[in-house]
Protein backbone atom coordinates (compact mmCIF):
# COMPACT_ATOMS: atom_id res chain seq x y z
CA UNK A 1 3.15 4.03 46.74
CA UNK A 2 2.97 1.41 44.00
CA UNK A 3 -0.36 2.82 42.83
CA UNK A 4 1.26 6.22 42.26
CA UNK A 5 3.96 4.65 40.09
CA UNK A 6 1.40 2.69 38.07
CA UNK A 7 -0.79 5.79 37.75
CA UNK A 8 2.14 7.75 36.31
CA UNK A 9 3.06 4.96 33.89
CA UNK A 10 -0.48 4.56 32.55
CA UNK A 11 -1.68 8.18 32.80
CA UNK A 12 0.99 9.73 30.57
CA UNK A 13 0.35 9.00 26.90
CA UNK A 14 4.02 8.70 26.03
CA UNK A 15 4.64 6.30 28.96
CA UNK A 16 1.78 4.06 27.84
CA UNK A 17 3.10 3.91 24.30
CA UNK A 18 6.67 3.30 25.44
CA UNK A 19 5.53 0.54 27.78
CA UNK A 20 3.60 -1.19 24.98
CA UNK A 21 6.43 -0.79 22.46
CA UNK A 22 9.21 -1.90 24.77
CA UNK A 23 7.22 -4.90 26.03
CA UNK A 24 6.59 -6.10 22.47
CA UNK A 25 10.24 -5.47 21.55
CA UNK A 26 11.43 -7.44 24.60
CA UNK A 27 9.10 -10.31 23.68
CA UNK A 28 10.55 -10.43 20.16
CA UNK A 29 14.14 -10.11 21.35
CA UNK A 30 13.91 -12.85 23.97
CA UNK A 31 12.08 -15.14 21.54
CA UNK A 32 14.56 -14.73 18.70
CA UNK A 33 17.65 -15.03 20.87
CA UNK A 34 16.33 -18.23 22.41
CA UNK A 35 16.19 -20.03 19.07
CA UNK A 36 19.15 -18.78 17.02
CA UNK A 37 21.39 -21.62 18.18
CA UNK A 38 18.68 -24.21 17.54
CA UNK A 39 18.13 -22.84 14.02
CA UNK A 40 21.83 -23.18 13.22
CA UNK A 41 21.74 -26.79 14.42
CA UNK A 42 18.51 -27.78 12.67
CA UNK A 43 18.92 -26.01 9.36
CA UNK A 44 22.66 -25.63 8.84
CA UNK A 45 24.13 -28.62 10.65
CA UNK A 46 26.13 -26.74 13.30
CA UNK A 47 27.24 -28.64 16.36
CA UNK A 48 25.86 -27.44 19.68
CA UNK A 49 29.24 -25.94 20.57
CA UNK A 50 29.49 -24.07 17.26
CA UNK A 51 25.90 -22.86 17.45
CA UNK A 52 26.29 -21.72 21.05
CA UNK A 53 29.44 -19.77 20.27
CA UNK A 54 27.99 -18.05 17.20
CA UNK A 55 24.63 -17.22 18.79
CA UNK A 56 26.36 -15.95 21.93
CA UNK A 57 28.62 -13.62 19.96
CA UNK A 58 25.67 -12.46 17.89
CA UNK A 59 23.61 -11.63 20.97
CA UNK A 60 26.40 -9.87 22.88
CA UNK A 61 28.77 -7.67 20.87
CA UNK A 62 26.33 -6.12 18.34
CA UNK A 63 23.76 -5.71 21.11
CA UNK A 64 26.17 -3.97 23.48
CA UNK A 65 27.36 -1.64 20.72
CA UNK A 66 23.76 -0.91 19.71
CA UNK A 67 22.70 -0.04 23.27
CA UNK A 68 25.65 2.30 23.84
CA UNK A 69 25.45 4.09 20.50
CA UNK A 70 21.64 4.25 20.59
CA UNK A 71 21.65 5.88 24.02
CA UNK A 72 24.40 8.36 23.09
CA UNK A 73 22.72 9.39 19.83
CA UNK A 74 19.35 9.75 21.57
CA UNK A 75 20.93 12.08 24.17
CA UNK A 76 22.57 14.12 21.41
CA UNK A 77 19.36 14.46 19.41
CA UNK A 78 17.30 14.94 22.57
CA UNK A 79 19.04 18.25 23.29
CA UNK A 80 17.05 19.80 20.45
CA UNK A 81 13.97 17.60 20.47
CA UNK A 82 12.87 15.41 23.39
CA UNK A 83 10.78 13.34 20.98
CA UNK A 84 14.06 11.86 19.69
CA UNK A 85 14.14 9.59 22.74
CA UNK A 86 11.16 7.74 21.26
CA UNK A 87 11.52 8.43 17.54
CA UNK A 88 15.08 7.10 17.24
CA UNK A 89 14.28 3.69 18.79
CA UNK A 90 11.08 3.53 16.77
CA UNK A 91 12.83 4.13 13.48
CA UNK A 92 15.56 1.63 14.35
CA UNK A 93 13.00 -1.06 15.19
CA UNK A 94 11.24 -0.41 11.87
CA UNK A 95 14.59 -0.92 10.11
CA UNK A 96 15.50 -4.01 12.16
CA UNK A 97 12.32 -5.89 11.26
CA UNK A 98 12.85 -6.28 7.48
CA UNK A 99 16.58 -6.88 7.97
CA UNK A 100 15.91 -9.72 10.37
CA UNK A 101 13.18 -11.21 8.20
CA UNK A 102 15.47 -11.12 5.17
CA UNK A 103 18.33 -12.67 7.16
CA UNK A 104 16.40 -15.49 8.78
CA UNK A 105 14.88 -16.66 5.50
CA UNK A 106 18.24 -17.06 3.68
CA UNK A 107 19.59 -20.47 2.74
CA UNK A 108 23.21 -19.24 2.87
CA UNK A 109 24.34 -19.22 6.51
CA UNK A 110 27.01 -16.56 5.85
CA UNK A 111 24.42 -14.14 4.46
CA UNK A 112 22.11 -15.00 7.34
CA UNK A 113 24.70 -14.20 10.01
CA UNK A 114 26.00 -11.02 8.34
CA UNK A 115 22.54 -9.51 7.85
CA UNK A 116 21.39 -10.68 11.28
CA UNK A 117 24.35 -8.83 12.77
CA UNK A 118 23.26 -5.71 10.89
CA UNK A 119 19.75 -6.15 12.26
CA UNK A 120 21.12 -6.46 15.81
CA UNK A 121 22.83 -3.08 15.45
CA UNK A 122 19.38 -1.54 15.09
CA UNK A 123 17.10 -3.75 17.17
CA UNK A 124 18.65 -3.06 20.59
CA UNK A 125 18.86 0.73 20.34
CA UNK A 126 15.58 1.03 22.21
CA UNK A 127 16.96 -0.26 25.51
CA UNK A 128 19.05 2.66 26.77
CA UNK A 129 16.66 5.35 25.65
CA UNK A 130 13.64 3.53 27.06
CA UNK A 131 14.98 3.14 30.59
CA UNK A 132 16.32 6.71 30.57
CA UNK A 133 13.03 8.13 29.34
CA UNK A 134 10.98 6.23 31.90
CA UNK A 135 13.27 7.55 34.63
CA UNK A 136 12.71 11.11 33.44
CA UNK A 137 8.95 10.59 33.37
CA UNK A 138 8.91 9.32 36.96
CA UNK A 139 9.40 11.25 40.20
CA UNK A 140 12.86 10.58 41.71
CA UNK A 141 11.29 8.52 44.53
CA UNK A 142 9.39 6.43 41.96
CA UNK A 143 12.36 5.41 39.82
CA UNK A 144 13.53 2.30 41.65
CA UNK A 145 9.99 0.95 41.87
CA UNK A 146 9.34 1.94 38.27
CA UNK A 147 12.44 0.10 37.06
CA UNK A 148 11.37 -2.96 39.05
CA UNK A 149 7.90 -2.86 37.48
CA UNK A 150 9.41 -2.64 34.01
CA UNK A 151 11.78 -5.51 34.76
CA UNK A 152 8.89 -7.64 35.99
CA UNK A 153 6.83 -6.91 32.87
CA UNK A 154 9.72 -7.65 30.53
CA UNK A 155 10.53 -10.83 32.43
CA UNK A 156 6.97 -12.18 32.59
CA UNK A 157 5.83 -11.19 29.10
CA UNK A 158 9.06 -10.83 27.16
CA UNK A 159 11.11 -13.68 28.55
CA UNK A 160 8.17 -15.78 29.67
CA UNK A 161 5.77 -15.57 26.73
CA UNK A 162 8.11 -14.79 23.81
CA UNK A 163 10.10 -18.04 23.52
CA UNK A 164 7.04 -20.13 24.35
CA UNK A 165 4.92 -18.48 21.64
CA UNK A 166 7.65 -18.77 19.01
CA UNK A 167 8.19 -22.45 19.80
CA UNK A 168 4.47 -23.17 19.59
CA UNK A 169 4.25 -21.35 16.26
CA UNK A 170 7.16 -23.38 14.88
CA UNK A 171 5.51 -26.65 15.96
CA UNK A 172 2.19 -25.52 14.42
CA UNK A 173 3.79 -24.73 11.06
CA UNK A 174 5.52 -28.10 11.03
CA UNK A 175 2.35 -30.06 11.88
CA UNK A 176 -0.21 -28.05 9.93
CA UNK A 177 1.70 -27.18 6.78
CA UNK A 178 4.37 -29.86 6.66
CA UNK A 179 7.37 -27.55 6.96
CA UNK A 180 10.73 -29.17 7.48
CA UNK A 181 11.99 -28.79 11.05
CA UNK A 182 14.49 -26.00 10.31
CA UNK A 183 12.22 -24.22 7.83
CA UNK A 184 9.35 -24.17 10.32
CA UNK A 185 11.58 -22.55 12.93
CA UNK A 186 12.98 -20.00 10.44
CA UNK A 187 9.47 -19.03 9.32
CA UNK A 188 8.25 -18.72 12.91
CA UNK A 189 11.25 -16.50 13.71
CA UNK A 190 10.55 -14.31 10.66
CA UNK A 191 6.91 -13.89 11.68
CA UNK A 192 7.98 -13.01 15.22
CA UNK A 193 10.53 -10.49 13.96
CA UNK A 194 7.74 -8.72 12.07
CA UNK A 195 6.33 -7.68 15.46
CA UNK A 196 9.19 -5.18 15.68
CA UNK A 197 7.11 -3.09 13.26
CA UNK A 198 4.29 -3.05 15.80
CA UNK A 199 6.73 -2.10 18.56
CA UNK A 200 8.26 0.64 16.40
CA UNK A 201 4.82 2.11 15.72
CA UNK A 202 4.26 2.50 19.48
CA UNK A 203 7.58 4.34 19.82
CA UNK A 204 6.69 6.67 16.94
CA UNK A 205 3.36 7.37 18.63
CA UNK A 206 5.14 8.04 21.94
CA UNK A 207 7.30 10.65 20.21
CA UNK A 208 4.21 12.74 19.54
CA UNK A 209 3.50 13.13 23.26
CA UNK A 210 6.92 13.01 24.86
CA UNK A 211 7.69 16.74 24.91
CA UNK A 212 4.33 17.60 26.44
CA UNK A 213 4.59 14.85 29.03
CA UNK A 214 8.09 15.98 30.06
CA UNK A 215 6.68 19.47 30.61
CA UNK A 216 3.76 18.07 32.62
CA UNK A 217 6.14 16.12 34.85
CA UNK A 218 8.38 19.15 35.44
CA UNK A 219 5.40 21.31 36.34
CA UNK A 220 4.05 18.62 38.66
C-alpha cells in the first residue's frame, strides 16, 4: 500500500536525508536550467537561437556524462562501503556549488560557460546513485510506487517551485536594489546555486546511516 511505501521512505534515516537532499538538488537544477538561456540573452546579447543552442548543449552532454560516471563510480566505491552511494553525490554537490557561483558571476561569457560546464560534471552525479539507493531501500513490490512518489515530489517541488522562486528573486533584486536586468538574474542564480551546499549536507548525513539502513532492510 502507499502508506507502506511512505512509511519506509520516512522511517529510515538515510531515506529521509536522501529525499531532502535530492528534492533540494532537483529544485536548484530545474531553476538554473530554466534561466541559462535568458541570462545569455539579457547579459551577453545572445540571440534566442544562440542561447537555446548553448543552454541545451550545456544541460545535456555534461549532465549525461555526469550521471553515467557518477553512478558507475558510486557502484565501484559501494562495493567496499555502502555509504559511498550518499557520500559521493554529497561531495560532488558541495564542489558544484562554488563552481557554479563563480561561473555565473563572471563578466566574460567564455569563462562563464567553461566553468559552468565543469560545475555540471559534478552537479548531476546525484541522480543515478539516488534512484538506485532508493530502490535498494524499498521492498521489490514498493519500487515502482516509490519511483512514482519521487518523480511527483521532484516535479511538484523541483520543477514547480524552483523556476518560480528564482524568477521572483530576480525580480525582487531588480526592484529593491536596482540591479540591472541581467545582473539581477545572475545574482539570483548564484544564490540559488548555493542551495547545493544544503543538499550536499543532507547527502553527507545520509551516508552516516546508509549501511545500517541497508542491513535493516535486508533483515526485514
